Amino acid sequence: PGKQRELVARITSGGTPTYADSAR
């Protein structure tokens, strides 16, 4: 609420994940 959209996690088609510090 009241903030910008931010990345949580993403994953490539090969299955490599990336996480935001808050989610790791």
PDBML (XML) file of the C-alpha atoms, coordinates in Angstrom:
<?xml version="1.0" encoding="UTF-8" ?>
<PDBx:datablock datablockName="MODEL"
   xmlns:PDBx="http://pdbml.pdb.org/schema/pdbx-v50.xsd"
   xmlns:xsi="http://www.w3.org/2001/XMLSchema-instance"
   xsi:schemaLocation="http://pdbml.pdb.org/schema/pdbx-v50.xsd pdbx-v50.xsd">
   <PDBx:atom_siteCategory>
      <PDBx:atom_site id="1">
         <PDBx:B_iso_or_equiv>0.00</PDBx:B_iso_or_equiv>
         <PDBx:Cartn_x>0.000</PDBx:Cartn_x>
         <PDBx:Cartn_y>0.000</PDBx:Cartn_y>
         <PDBx:Cartn_z>0.000</PDBx:Cartn_z>
         <PDBx:auth_asym_id>A</PDBx:auth_asym_id>
         <PDBx:auth_atom_id>CA</PDBx:auth_atom_id>
         <PDBx:auth_comp_id>PRO</PDBx:auth_comp_id>
         <PDBx:auth_seq_id>1</PDBx:auth_seq_id>
         <PDBx:group_PDB>ATOM</PDBx:group_PDB>
         <PDBx:label_alt_id xsi:nil="true" />
         <PDBx:label_asym_id>A</PDBx:label_asym_id>
         <PDBx:label_atom_id>CA</PDBx:label_atom_id>
         <PDBx:label_comp_id>PRO</PDBx:label_comp_id>
         <PDBx:label_entity_id>1</PDBx:label_entity_id>
         <PDBx:label_seq_id>1</PDBx:label_seq_id>
         <PDBx:occupancy>1.00</PDBx:occupancy>
         <PDBx:pdbx_PDB_model_num>1</PDBx:pdbx_PDB_model_num>
         <PDBx:type_symbol>C</PDBx:type_symbol>
      </PDBx:atom_site>
      <PDBx:atom_site id="2">
         <PDBx:B_iso_or_equiv>0.00</PDBx:B_iso_or_equiv>
         <PDBx:Cartn_x>1.315</PDBx:Cartn_x>
         <PDBx:Cartn_y>3.422</PDBx:Cartn_y>
         <PDBx:Cartn_z>-1.003</PDBx:Cartn_z>
         <PDBx:auth_asym_id>A</PDBx:auth_asym_id>
         <PDBx:auth_atom_id>CA</PDBx:auth_atom_id>
         <PDBx:auth_comp_id>GLY</PDBx:auth_comp_id>
         <PDBx:auth_seq_id>2</PDBx:auth_seq_id>
         <PDBx:group_PDB>ATOM</PDBx:group_PDB>
         <PDBx:label_alt_id xsi:nil="true" />
         <PDBx:label_asym_id>A</PDBx:label_asym_id>
         <PDBx:label_atom_id>CA</PDBx:label_atom_id>
         <PDBx:label_comp_id>GLY</PDBx:label_comp_id>
         <PDBx:label_entity_id>1</PDBx:label_entity_id>
         <PDBx:label_seq_id>2</PDBx:label_seq_id>
         <PDBx:occupancy>1.00</PDBx:occupancy>
         <PDBx:pdbx_PDB_model_num>1</PDBx:pdbx_PDB_model_num>
         <PDBx:type_symbol>C</PDBx:type_symbol>
      </PDBx:atom_site>
      <PDBx:atom_site id="3">
         <PDBx:B_iso_or_equiv>0.00</PDBx:B_iso_or_equiv>
         <PDBx:Cartn_x>4.531</PDBx:Cartn_x>
         <PDBx:Cartn_y>2.027</PDBx:Cartn_y>
         <PDBx:Cartn_z>-2.440</PDBx:Cartn_z>
         <PDBx:auth_asym_id>A</PDBx:auth_asym_id>
         <PDBx:auth_atom_id>CA</PDBx:auth_atom_id>
         <PDBx:auth_comp_id>LYS</PDBx:auth_comp_id>
         <PDBx:auth_seq_id>3</PDBx:auth_seq_id>
         <PDBx:group_PDB>ATOM</PDBx:group_PDB>
         <PDBx:label_alt_id xsi:nil="true" />
         <PDBx:label_asym_id>A</PDBx:label_asym_id>
         <PDBx:label_atom_id>CA</PDBx:label_atom_id>
         <PDBx:label_comp_id>LYS</PDBx:label_comp_id>
         <PDBx:label_entity_id>1</PDBx:label_entity_id>
         <PDBx:label_seq_id>3</PDBx:label_seq_id>
         <PDBx:occupancy>1.00</PDBx:occupancy>
         <PDBx:pdbx_PDB_model_num>1</PDBx:pdbx_PDB_model_num>
         <PDBx:type_symbol>C</PDBx:type_symbol>
      </PDBx:atom_site>
      <PDBx:atom_site id="4">
         <PDBx:B_iso_or_equiv>0.00</PDBx:B_iso_or_equiv>
         <PDBx:Cartn_x>5.954</PDBx:Cartn_x>
         <PDBx:Cartn_y>1.125</PDBx:Cartn_y>
         <PDBx:Cartn_z>-5.830</PDBx:Cartn_z>
         <PDBx:auth_asym_id>A</PDBx:auth_asym_id>
         <PDBx:auth_atom_id>CA</PDBx:auth_atom_id>
         <PDBx:auth_comp_id>GLN</PDBx:auth_comp_id>
         <PDBx:auth_seq_id>4</PDBx:auth_seq_id>
         <PDBx:group_PDB>ATOM</PDBx:group_PDB>
         <PDBx:label_alt_id xsi:nil="true" />
         <PDBx:label_asym_id>A</PDBx:label_asym_id>
         <PDBx:label_atom_id>CA</PDBx:label_atom_id>
         <PDBx:label_comp_id>GLN</PDBx:label_comp_id>
         <PDBx:label_entity_id>1</PDBx:label_entity_id>
         <PDBx:label_seq_id>4</PDBx:label_seq_id>
         <PDBx:occupancy>1.00</PDBx:occupancy>
         <PDBx:pdbx_PDB_model_num>1</PDBx:pdbx_PDB_model_num>
         <PDBx:type_symbol>C</PDBx:type_symbol>
      </PDBx:atom_site>
      <PDBx:atom_site id="5">
         <PDBx:B_iso_or_equiv>0.00</PDBx:B_iso_or_equiv>
         <PDBx:Cartn_x>5.824</PDBx:Cartn_x>
         <PDBx:Cartn_y>-2.308</PDBx:Cartn_y>
         <PDBx:Cartn_z>-7.365</PDBx:Cartn_z>
         <PDBx:auth_asym_id>A</PDBx:auth_asym_id>
         <PDBx:auth_atom_id>CA</PDBx:auth_atom_id>
         <PDBx:auth_comp_id>ARG</PDBx:auth_comp_id>
         <PDBx:auth_seq_id>5</PDBx:auth_seq_id>
         <PDBx:group_PDB>ATOM</PDBx:group_PDB>
         <PDBx:label_alt_id xsi:nil="true" />
         <PDBx:label_asym_id>A</PDBx:label_asym_id>
         <PDBx:label_atom_id>CA</PDBx:label_atom_id>
         <PDBx:label_comp_id>ARG</PDBx:label_comp_id>
         <PDBx:label_entity_id>1</PDBx:label_entity_id>
         <PDBx:label_seq_id>5</PDBx:label_seq_id>
         <PDBx:occupancy>1.00</PDBx:occupancy>
         <PDBx:pdbx_PDB_model_num>1</PDBx:pdbx_PDB_model_num>
         <PDBx:type_symbol>C</PDBx:type_symbol>
      </PDBx:atom_site>
      <PDBx:atom_site id="6">
         <PDBx:B_iso_or_equiv>0.00</PDBx:B_iso_or_equiv>
         <PDBx:Cartn_x>8.882</PDBx:Cartn_x>
         <PDBx:Cartn_y>-4.384</PDBx:Cartn_y>
         <PDBx:Cartn_z>-6.507</PDBx:Cartn_z>
         <PDBx:auth_asym_id>A</PDBx:auth_asym_id>
         <PDBx:auth_atom_id>CA</PDBx:auth_atom_id>
         <PDBx:auth_comp_id>GLU</PDBx:auth_comp_id>
         <PDBx:auth_seq_id>6</PDBx:auth_seq_id>
         <PDBx:group_PDB>ATOM</PDBx:group_PDB>
         <PDBx:label_alt_id xsi:nil="true" />
         <PDBx:label_asym_id>A</PDBx:label_asym_id>
         <PDBx:label_atom_id>CA</PDBx:label_atom_id>
         <PDBx:label_comp_id>GLU</PDBx:label_comp_id>
         <PDBx:label_entity_id>1</PDBx:label_entity_id>
         <PDBx:label_seq_id>6</PDBx:label_seq_id>
         <PDBx:occupancy>1.00</PDBx:occupancy>
         <PDBx:pdbx_PDB_model_num>1</PDBx:pdbx_PDB_model_num>
         <PDBx:type_symbol>C</PDBx:type_symbol>
      </PDBx:atom_site>
      <PDBx:atom_site id="7">
         <PDBx:B_iso_or_equiv>0.00</PDBx:B_iso_or_equiv>
         <PDBx:Cartn_x>10.394</PDBx:Cartn_x>
         <PDBx:Cartn_y>-7.683</PDBx:Cartn_y>
         <PDBx:Cartn_z>-7.516</PDBx:Cartn_z>
         <PDBx:auth_asym_id>A</PDBx:auth_asym_id>
         <PDBx:auth_atom_id>CA</PDBx:auth_atom_id>
         <PDBx:auth_comp_id>LEU</PDBx:auth_comp_id>
         <PDBx:auth_seq_id>7</PDBx:auth_seq_id>
         <PDBx:group_PDB>ATOM</PDBx:group_PDB>
         <PDBx:label_alt_id xsi:nil="true" />
         <PDBx:label_asym_id>A</PDBx:label_asym_id>
         <PDBx:label_atom_id>CA</PDBx:label_atom_id>
         <PDBx:label_comp_id>LEU</PDBx:label_comp_id>
         <PDBx:label_entity_id>1</PDBx:label_entity_id>
         <PDBx:label_seq_id>7</PDBx:label_seq_id>
         <PDBx:occupancy>1.00</PDBx:occupancy>
         <PDBx:pdbx_PDB_model_num>1</PDBx:pdbx_PDB_model_num>
         <PDBx:type_symbol>C</PDBx:type_symbol>
      </PDBx:atom_site>
      <PDBx:atom_site id="8">
         <PDBx:B_iso_or_equiv>0.00</PDBx:B_iso_or_equiv>
         <PDBx:Cartn_x>9.814</PDBx:Cartn_x>
         <PDBx:Cartn_y>-10.607</PDBx:Cartn_y>
         <PDBx:Cartn_z>-5.152</PDBx:Cartn_z>
         <PDBx:auth_asym_id>A</PDBx:auth_asym_id>
         <PDBx:auth_atom_id>CA</PDBx:auth_atom_id>
         <PDBx:auth_comp_id>VAL</PDBx:auth_comp_id>
         <PDBx:auth_seq_id>8</PDBx:auth_seq_id>
         <PDBx:group_PDB>ATOM</PDBx:group_PDB>
         <PDBx:label_alt_id xsi:nil="true" />
         <PDBx:label_asym_id>A</PDBx:label_asym_id>
         <PDBx:label_atom_id>CA</PDBx:label_atom_id>
         <PDBx:label_comp_id>VAL</PDBx:label_comp_id>
         <PDBx:label_entity_id>1</PDBx:label_entity_id>
         <PDBx:label_seq_id>8</PDBx:label_seq_id>
         <PDBx:occupancy>1.00</PDBx:occupancy>
         <PDBx:pdbx_PDB_model_num>1</PDBx:pdbx_PDB_model_num>
         <PDBx:type_symbol>C</PDBx:type_symbol>
      </PDBx:atom_site>
      <PDBx:atom_site id="9">
         <PDBx:B_iso_or_equiv>0.00</PDBx:B_iso_or_equiv>
         <PDBx:Cartn_x>11.272</PDBx:Cartn_x>
         <PDBx:Cartn_y>-13.491</PDBx:Cartn_y>
         <PDBx:Cartn_z>-7.152</PDBx:Cartn_z>
         <PDBx:auth_asym_id>A</PDBx:auth_asym_id>
         <PDBx:auth_atom_id>CA</PDBx:auth_atom_id>
         <PDBx:auth_comp_id>ALA</PDBx:auth_comp_id>
         <PDBx:auth_seq_id>9</PDBx:auth_seq_id>
         <PDBx:group_PDB>ATOM</PDBx:group_PDB>
         <PDBx:label_alt_id xsi:nil="true" />
         <PDBx:label_asym_id>A</PDBx:label_asym_id>
         <PDBx:label_atom_id>CA</PDBx:label_atom_id>
         <PDBx:label_comp_id>ALA</PDBx:label_comp_id>
         <PDBx:label_entity_id>1</PDBx:label_entity_id>
         <PDBx:label_seq_id>9</PDBx:label_seq_id>
         <PDBx:occupancy>1.00</PDBx:occupancy>
         <PDBx:pdbx_PDB_model_num>1</PDBx:pdbx_PDB_model_num>
         <PDBx:type_symbol>C</PDBx:type_symbol>
      </PDBx:atom_site>
      <PDBx:atom_site id="10">
         <PDBx:B_iso_or_equiv>0.00</PDBx:B_iso_or_equiv>
         <PDBx:Cartn_x>11.719</PDBx:Cartn_x>
         <PDBx:Cartn_y>-14.582</PDBx:Cartn_y>
         <PDBx:Cartn_z>-10.731</PDBx:Cartn_z>
         <PDBx:auth_asym_id>A</PDBx:auth_asym_id>
         <PDBx:auth_atom_id>CA</PDBx:auth_atom_id>
         <PDBx:auth_comp_id>ARG</PDBx:auth_comp_id>
         <PDBx:auth_seq_id>10</PDBx:auth_seq_id>
         <PDBx:group_PDB>ATOM</PDBx:group_PDB>
         <PDBx:label_alt_id xsi:nil="true" />
         <PDBx:label_asym_id>A</PDBx:label_asym_id>
         <PDBx:label_atom_id>CA</PDBx:label_atom_id>
         <PDBx:label_comp_id>ARG</PDBx:label_comp_id>
         <PDBx:label_entity_id>1</PDBx:label_entity_id>
         <PDBx:label_seq_id>10</PDBx:label_seq_id>
         <PDBx:occupancy>1.00</PDBx:occupancy>
         <PDBx:pdbx_PDB_model_num>1</PDBx:pdbx_PDB_model_num>
         <PDBx:type_symbol>C</PDBx:type_symbol>
      </PDBx:atom_site>
      <PDBx:atom_site id="11">
         <PDBx:B_iso_or_equiv>0.00</PDBx:B_iso_or_equiv>
         <PDBx:Cartn_x>12.810</PDBx:Cartn_x>
         <PDBx:Cartn_y>-17.752</PDBx:Cartn_y>
         <PDBx:Cartn_z>-12.464</PDBx:Cartn_z>
         <PDBx:auth_asym_id>A</PDBx:auth_asym_id>
         <PDBx:auth_atom_id>CA</PDBx:auth_atom_id>
         <PDBx:auth_comp_id>ILE</PDBx:auth_comp_id>
         <PDBx:auth_seq_id>11</PDBx:auth_seq_id>
         <PDBx:group_PDB>ATOM</PDBx:group_PDB>
         <PDBx:label_alt_id xsi:nil="true" />
         <PDBx:label_asym_id>A</PDBx:label_asym_id>
         <PDBx:label_atom_id>CA</PDBx:label_atom_id>
         <PDBx:label_comp_id>ILE</PDBx:label_comp_id>
         <PDBx:label_entity_id>1</PDBx:label_entity_id>
         <PDBx:label_seq_id>11</PDBx:label_seq_id>
         <PDBx:occupancy>1.00</PDBx:occupancy>
         <PDBx:pdbx_PDB_model_num>1</PDBx:pdbx_PDB_model_num>
         <PDBx:type_symbol>C</PDBx:type_symbol>
      </PDBx:atom_site>
      <PDBx:atom_site id="12">
         <PDBx:B_iso_or_equiv>0.00</PDBx:B_iso_or_equiv>
         <PDBx:Cartn_x>14.250</PDBx:Cartn_x>
         <PDBx:Cartn_y>-18.420</PDBx:Cartn_y>
         <PDBx:Cartn_z>-15.890</PDBx:Cartn_z>
         <PDBx:auth_asym_id>A</PDBx:auth_asym_id>
         <PDBx:auth_atom_id>CA</PDBx:auth_atom_id>
         <PDBx:auth_comp_id>THR</PDBx:auth_comp_id>
         <PDBx:auth_seq_id>12</PDBx:auth_seq_id>
         <PDBx:group_PDB>ATOM</PDBx:group_PDB>
         <PDBx:label_alt_id xsi:nil="true" />
         <PDBx:label_asym_id>A</PDBx:label_asym_id>
         <PDBx:label_atom_id>CA</PDBx:label_atom_id>
         <PDBx:label_comp_id>THR</PDBx:label_comp_id>
         <PDBx:label_entity_id>1</PDBx:label_entity_id>
         <PDBx:label_seq_id>12</PDBx:label_seq_id>
         <PDBx:occupancy>1.00</PDBx:occupancy>
         <PDBx:pdbx_PDB_model_num>1</PDBx:pdbx_PDB_model_num>
         <PDBx:type_symbol>C</PDBx:type_symbol>
      </PDBx:atom_site>
      <PDBx:atom_site id="13">
         <PDBx:B_iso_or_equiv>0.00</PDBx:B_iso_or_equiv>
         <PDBx:Cartn_x>12.946</PDBx:Cartn_x>
         <PDBx:Cartn_y>-21.011</PDBx:Cartn_y>
         <PDBx:Cartn_z>-18.322</PDBx:Cartn_z>
         <PDBx:auth_asym_id>A</PDBx:auth_asym_id>
         <PDBx:auth_atom_id>CA</PDBx:auth_atom_id>
         <PDBx:auth_comp_id>SER</PDBx:auth_comp_id>
         <PDBx:auth_seq_id>13</PDBx:auth_seq_id>
         <PDBx:group_PDB>ATOM</PDBx:group_PDB>
         <PDBx:label_alt_id xsi:nil="true" />
         <PDBx:label_asym_id>A</PDBx:label_asym_id>
         <PDBx:label_atom_id>CA</PDBx:label_atom_id>
         <PDBx:label_comp_id>SER</PDBx:label_comp_id>
         <PDBx:label_entity_id>1</PDBx:label_entity_id>
         <PDBx:label_seq_id>13</PDBx:label_seq_id>
         <PDBx:occupancy>1.00</PDBx:occupancy>
         <PDBx:pdbx_PDB_model_num>1</PDBx:pdbx_PDB_model_num>
         <PDBx:type_symbol>C</PDBx:type_symbol>
      </PDBx:atom_site>
      <PDBx:atom_site id="14">
         <PDBx:B_iso_or_equiv>0.00</PDBx:B_iso_or_equiv>
         <PDBx:Cartn_x>15.892</PDBx:Cartn_x>
         <PDBx:Cartn_y>-23.151</PDBx:Cartn_y>
         <PDBx:Cartn_z>-17.223</PDBx:Cartn_z>
         <PDBx:auth_asym_id>A</PDBx:auth_asym_id>
         <PDBx:auth_atom_id>CA</PDBx:auth_atom_id>
         <PDBx:auth_comp_id>GLY</PDBx:auth_comp_id>
         <PDBx:auth_seq_id>14</PDBx:auth_seq_id>
         <PDBx:group_PDB>ATOM</PDBx:group_PDB>
         <PDBx:label_alt_id xsi:nil="true" />
         <PDBx:label_asym_id>A</PDBx:label_asym_id>
         <PDBx:label_atom_id>CA</PDBx:label_atom_id>
         <PDBx:label_comp_id>GLY</PDBx:label_comp_id>
         <PDBx:label_entity_id>1</PDBx:label_entity_id>
         <PDBx:label_seq_id>14</PDBx:label_seq_id>
         <PDBx:occupancy>1.00</PDBx:occupancy>
         <PDBx:pdbx_PDB_model_num>1</PDBx:pdbx_PDB_model_num>
         <PDBx:type_symbol>C</PDBx:type_symbol>
      </PDBx:atom_site>
      <PDBx:atom_site id="15">
         <PDBx:B_iso_or_equiv>0.00</PDBx:B_iso_or_equiv>
         <PDBx:Cartn_x>14.811</PDBx:Cartn_x>
         <PDBx:Cartn_y>-22.980</PDBx:Cartn_y>
         <PDBx:Cartn_z>-13.603</PDBx:Cartn_z>
         <PDBx:auth_asym_id>A</PDBx:auth_asym_id>
         <PDBx:auth_atom_id>CA</PDBx:auth_atom_id>
         <PDBx:auth_comp_id>GLY</PDBx:auth_comp_id>
         <PDBx:auth_seq_id>15</PDBx:auth_seq_id>
         <PDBx:group_PDB>ATOM</PDBx:group_PDB>
         <PDBx:label_alt_id xsi:nil="true" />
         <PDBx:label_asym_id>A</PDBx:label_asym_id>
         <PDBx:label_atom_id>CA</PDBx:label_atom_id>
         <PDBx:label_comp_id>GLY</PDBx:label_comp_id>
         <PDBx:label_entity_id>1</PDBx:label_entity_id>
         <PDBx:label_seq_id>15</PDBx:label_seq_id>
         <PDBx:occupancy>1.00</PDBx:occupancy>
         <PDBx:pdbx_PDB_model_num>1</PDBx:pdbx_PDB_model_num>
         <PDBx:type_symbol>C</PDBx:type_symbol>
      </PDBx:atom_site>
      <PDBx:atom_site id="16">
         <PDBx:B_iso_or_equiv>0.00</PDBx:B_iso_or_equiv>
         <PDBx:Cartn_x>17.336</PDBx:Cartn_x>
         <PDBx:Cartn_y>-20.506</PDBx:Cartn_y>
         <PDBx:Cartn_z>-12.189</PDBx:Cartn_z>
         <PDBx:auth_asym_id>A</PDBx:auth_asym_id>
         <PDBx:auth_atom_id>CA</PDBx:auth_atom_id>
         <PDBx:auth_comp_id>THR</PDBx:auth_comp_id>
         <PDBx:auth_seq_id>16</PDBx:auth_seq_id>
         <PDBx:group_PDB>ATOM</PDBx:group_PDB>
         <PDBx:label_alt_id xsi:nil="true" />
         <PDBx:label_asym_id>A</PDBx:label_asym_id>
         <PDBx:label_atom_id>CA</PDBx:label_atom_id>
         <PDBx:label_comp_id>THR</PDBx:label_comp_id>
         <PDBx:label_entity_id>1</PDBx:label_entity_id>
         <PDBx:label_seq_id>16</PDBx:label_seq_id>
         <PDBx:occupancy>1.00</PDBx:occupancy>
         <PDBx:pdbx_PDB_model_num>1</PDBx:pdbx_PDB_model_num>
         <PDBx:type_symbol>C</PDBx:type_symbol>
      </PDBx:atom_site>
      <PDBx:atom_site id="17">
         <PDBx:B_iso_or_equiv>0.00</PDBx:B_iso_or_equiv>
         <PDBx:Cartn_x>15.715</PDBx:Cartn_x>
         <PDBx:Cartn_y>-18.400</PDBx:Cartn_y>
         <PDBx:Cartn_z>-9.460</PDBx:Cartn_z>
         <PDBx:auth_asym_id>A</PDBx:auth_asym_id>
         <PDBx:auth_atom_id>CA</PDBx:auth_atom_id>
         <PDBx:auth_comp_id>PRO</PDBx:auth_comp_id>
         <PDBx:auth_seq_id>17</PDBx:auth_seq_id>
         <PDBx:group_PDB>ATOM</PDBx:group_PDB>
         <PDBx:label_alt_id xsi:nil="true" />
         <PDBx:label_asym_id>A</PDBx:label_asym_id>
         <PDBx:label_atom_id>CA</PDBx:label_atom_id>
         <PDBx:label_comp_id>PRO</PDBx:label_comp_id>
         <PDBx:label_entity_id>1</PDBx:label_entity_id>
         <PDBx:label_seq_id>17</PDBx:label_seq_id>
         <PDBx:occupancy>1.00</PDBx:occupancy>
         <PDBx:pdbx_PDB_model_num>1</PDBx:pdbx_PDB_model_num>
         <PDBx:type_symbol>C</PDBx:type_symbol>
      </PDBx:atom_site>
      <PDBx:atom_site id="18">
         <PDBx:B_iso_or_equiv>0.00</PDBx:B_iso_or_equiv>
         <PDBx:Cartn_x>16.444</PDBx:Cartn_x>
         <PDBx:Cartn_y>-14.898</PDBx:Cartn_y>
         <PDBx:Cartn_z>-8.256</PDBx:Cartn_z>
         <PDBx:auth_asym_id>A</PDBx:auth_asym_id>
         <PDBx:auth_atom_id>CA</PDBx:auth_atom_id>
         <PDBx:auth_comp_id>THR</PDBx:auth_comp_id>
         <PDBx:auth_seq_id>18</PDBx:auth_seq_id>
         <PDBx:group_PDB>ATOM</PDBx:group_PDB>
         <PDBx:label_alt_id xsi:nil="true" />
         <PDBx:label_asym_id>A</PDBx:label_asym_id>
         <PDBx:label_atom_id>CA</PDBx:label_atom_id>
         <PDBx:label_comp_id>THR</PDBx:label_comp_id>
         <PDBx:label_entity_id>1</PDBx:label_entity_id>
         <PDBx:label_seq_id>18</PDBx:label_seq_id>
         <PDBx:occupancy>1.00</PDBx:occupancy>
         <PDBx:pdbx_PDB_model_num>1</PDBx:pdbx_PDB_model_num>
         <PDBx:type_symbol>C</PDBx:type_symbol>
      </PDBx:atom_site>
      <PDBx:atom_site id="19">
         <PDBx:B_iso_or_equiv>0.00</PDBx:B_iso_or_equiv>
         <PDBx:Cartn_x>15.075</PDBx:Cartn_x>
         <PDBx:Cartn_y>-13.501</PDBx:Cartn_y>
         <PDBx:Cartn_z>-5.000</PDBx:Cartn_z>
         <PDBx:auth_asym_id>A</PDBx:auth_asym_id>
         <PDBx:auth_atom_id>CA</PDBx:auth_atom_id>
         <PDBx:auth_comp_id>TYR</PDBx:auth_comp_id>
         <PDBx:auth_seq_id>19</PDBx:auth_seq_id>
         <PDBx:group_PDB>ATOM</PDBx:group_PDB>
         <PDBx:label_alt_id xsi:nil="true" />
         <PDBx:label_asym_id>A</PDBx:label_asym_id>
         <PDBx:label_atom_id>CA</PDBx:label_atom_id>
         <PDBx:label_comp_id>TYR</PDBx:label_comp_id>
         <PDBx:label_entity_id>1</PDBx:label_entity_id>
         <PDBx:label_seq_id>19</PDBx:label_seq_id>
         <PDBx:occupancy>1.00</PDBx:occupancy>
         <PDBx:pdbx_PDB_model_num>1</PDBx:pdbx_PDB_model_num>
         <PDBx:type_symbol>C</PDBx:type_symbol>
      </PDBx:atom_site>
      <PDBx:atom_site id="20">
         <PDBx:B_iso_or_equiv>0.00</PDBx:B_iso_or_equiv>
         <PDBx:Cartn_x>14.717</PDBx:Cartn_x>
         <PDBx:Cartn_y>-10.085</PDBx:Cartn_y>
         <PDBx:Cartn_z>-3.472</PDBx:Cartn_z>
         <PDBx:auth_asym_id>A</PDBx:auth_asym_id>
         <PDBx:auth_atom_id>CA</PDBx:auth_atom_id>
         <PDBx:auth_comp_id>ALA</PDBx:auth_comp_id>
         <PDBx:auth_seq_id>20</PDBx:auth_seq_id>
         <PDBx:group_PDB>ATOM</PDBx:group_PDB>
         <PDBx:label_alt_id xsi:nil="true" />
         <PDBx:label_asym_id>A</PDBx:label_asym_id>
         <PDBx:label_atom_id>CA</PDBx:label_atom_id>
         <PDBx:label_comp_id>ALA</PDBx:label_comp_id>
         <PDBx:label_entity_id>1</PDBx:label_entity_id>
         <PDBx:label_seq_id>20</PDBx:label_seq_id>
         <PDBx:occupancy>1.00</PDBx:occupancy>
         <PDBx:pdbx_PDB_model_num>1</PDBx:pdbx_PDB_model_num>
         <PDBx:type_symbol>C</PDBx:type_symbol>
      </PDBx:atom_site>
      <PDBx:atom_site id="21">
         <PDBx:B_iso_or_equiv>0.00</PDBx:B_iso_or_equiv>
         <PDBx:Cartn_x>16.574</PDBx:Cartn_x>
         <PDBx:Cartn_y>-9.766</PDBx:Cartn_y>
         <PDBx:Cartn_z>-0.175</PDBx:Cartn_z>
         <PDBx:auth_asym_id>A</PDBx:auth_asym_id>
         <PDBx:auth_atom_id>CA</PDBx:auth_atom_id>
         <PDBx:auth_comp_id>ASP</PDBx:auth_comp_id>
         <PDBx:auth_seq_id>21</PDBx:auth_seq_id>
         <PDBx:group_PDB>ATOM</PDBx:group_PDB>
         <PDBx:label_alt_id xsi:nil="true" />
         <PDBx:label_asym_id>A</PDBx:label_asym_id>
         <PDBx:label_atom_id>CA</PDBx:label_atom_id>
         <PDBx:label_comp_id>ASP</PDBx:label_comp_id>
         <PDBx:label_entity_id>1</PDBx:label_entity_id>
         <PDBx:label_seq_id>21</PDBx:label_seq_id>
         <PDBx:occupancy>1.00</PDBx:occupancy>
         <PDBx:pdbx_PDB_model_num>1</PDBx:pdbx_PDB_model_num>
         <PDBx:type_symbol>C</PDBx:type_symbol>
      </PDBx:atom_site>
      <PDBx:atom_site id="22">
         <PDBx:B_iso_or_equiv>0.00</PDBx:B_iso_or_equiv>
         <PDBx:Cartn_x>13.248</PDBx:Cartn_x>
         <PDBx:Cartn_y>-9.571</PDBx:Cartn_y>
         <PDBx:Cartn_z>1.648</PDBx:Cartn_z>
         <PDBx:auth_asym_id>A</PDBx:auth_asym_id>
         <PDBx:auth_atom_id>CA</PDBx:auth_atom_id>
         <PDBx:auth_comp_id>SER</PDBx:auth_comp_id>
         <PDBx:auth_seq_id>22</PDBx:auth_seq_id>
         <PDBx:group_PDB>ATOM</PDBx:group_PDB>
         <PDBx:label_alt_id xsi:nil="true" />
         <PDBx:label_asym_id>A</PDBx:label_asym_id>
         <PDBx:label_atom_id>CA</PDBx:label_atom_id>
         <PDBx:label_comp_id>SER</PDBx:label_comp_id>
         <PDBx:label_entity_id>1</PDBx:label_entity_id>
         <PDBx:label_seq_id>22</PDBx:label_seq_id>
         <PDBx:occupancy>1.00</PDBx:occupancy>
         <PDBx:pdbx_PDB_model_num>1</PDBx:pdbx_PDB_model_num>
         <PDBx:type_symbol>C</PDBx:type_symbol>
      </PDBx:atom_site>
      <PDBx:atom_site id="23">
         <PDBx:B_iso_or_equiv>0.00</PDBx:B_iso_or_equiv>
         <PDBx:Cartn_x>12.146</PDBx:Cartn_x>
         <PDBx:Cartn_y>-12.912</PDBx:Cartn_y>
         <PDBx:Cartn_z>0.191</PDBx:Cartn_z>
         <PDBx:auth_asym_id>A</PDBx:auth_asym_id>
         <PDBx:auth_atom_id>CA</PDBx:auth_atom_id>
         <PDBx:auth_comp_id>ALA</PDBx:auth_comp_id>
         <PDBx:auth_seq_id>23</PDBx:auth_seq_id>
         <PDBx:group_PDB>ATOM</PDBx:group_PDB>
         <PDBx:label_alt_id xsi:nil="true" />
         <PDBx:label_asym_id>A</PDBx:label_asym_id>
         <PDBx:label_atom_id>CA</PDBx:label_atom_id>
         <PDBx:label_comp_id>ALA</PDBx:label_comp_id>
         <PDBx:label_entity_id>1</PDBx:label_entity_id>
         <PDBx:label_seq_id>23</PDBx:label_seq_id>
         <PDBx:occupancy>1.00</PDBx:occupancy>
         <PDBx:pdbx_PDB_model_num>1</PDBx:pdbx_PDB_model_num>
         <PDBx:type_symbol>C</PDBx:type_symbol>
      </PDBx:atom_site>
      <PDBx:atom_site id="24">
         <PDBx:B_iso_or_equiv>0.00</PDBx:B_iso_or_equiv>
         <PDBx:Cartn_x>15.346</PDBx:Cartn_x>
         <PDBx:Cartn_y>-14.932</PDBx:Cartn_y>
         <PDBx:Cartn_z>0.305</PDBx:Cartn_z>
         <PDBx:auth_asym_id>A</PDBx:auth_asym_id>
         <PDBx:auth_atom_id>CA</PDBx:auth_atom_id>
         <PDBx:auth_comp_id>ARG</PDBx:auth_comp_id>
         <PDBx:auth_seq_id>24</PDBx:auth_seq_id>
         <PDBx:group_PDB>ATOM</PDBx:group_PDB>
         <PDBx:label_alt_id xsi:nil="true" />
         <PDBx:label_asym_id>A</PDBx:label_asym_id>
         <PDBx:label_atom_id>CA</PDBx:label_atom_id>
         <PDBx:label_comp_id>ARG</PDBx:label_comp_id>
         <PDBx:label_entity_id>1</PDBx:label_entity_id>
         <PDBx:label_seq_id>24</PDBx:label_seq_id>
         <PDBx:occupancy>1.00</PDBx:occupancy>
         <PDBx:pdbx_PDB_model_num>1</PDBx:pdbx_PDB_model_num>
         <PDBx:type_symbol>C</PDBx:type_symbol>
      </PDBx:atom_site>
   </PDBx:atom_siteCategory>
</PDBx:datablock>
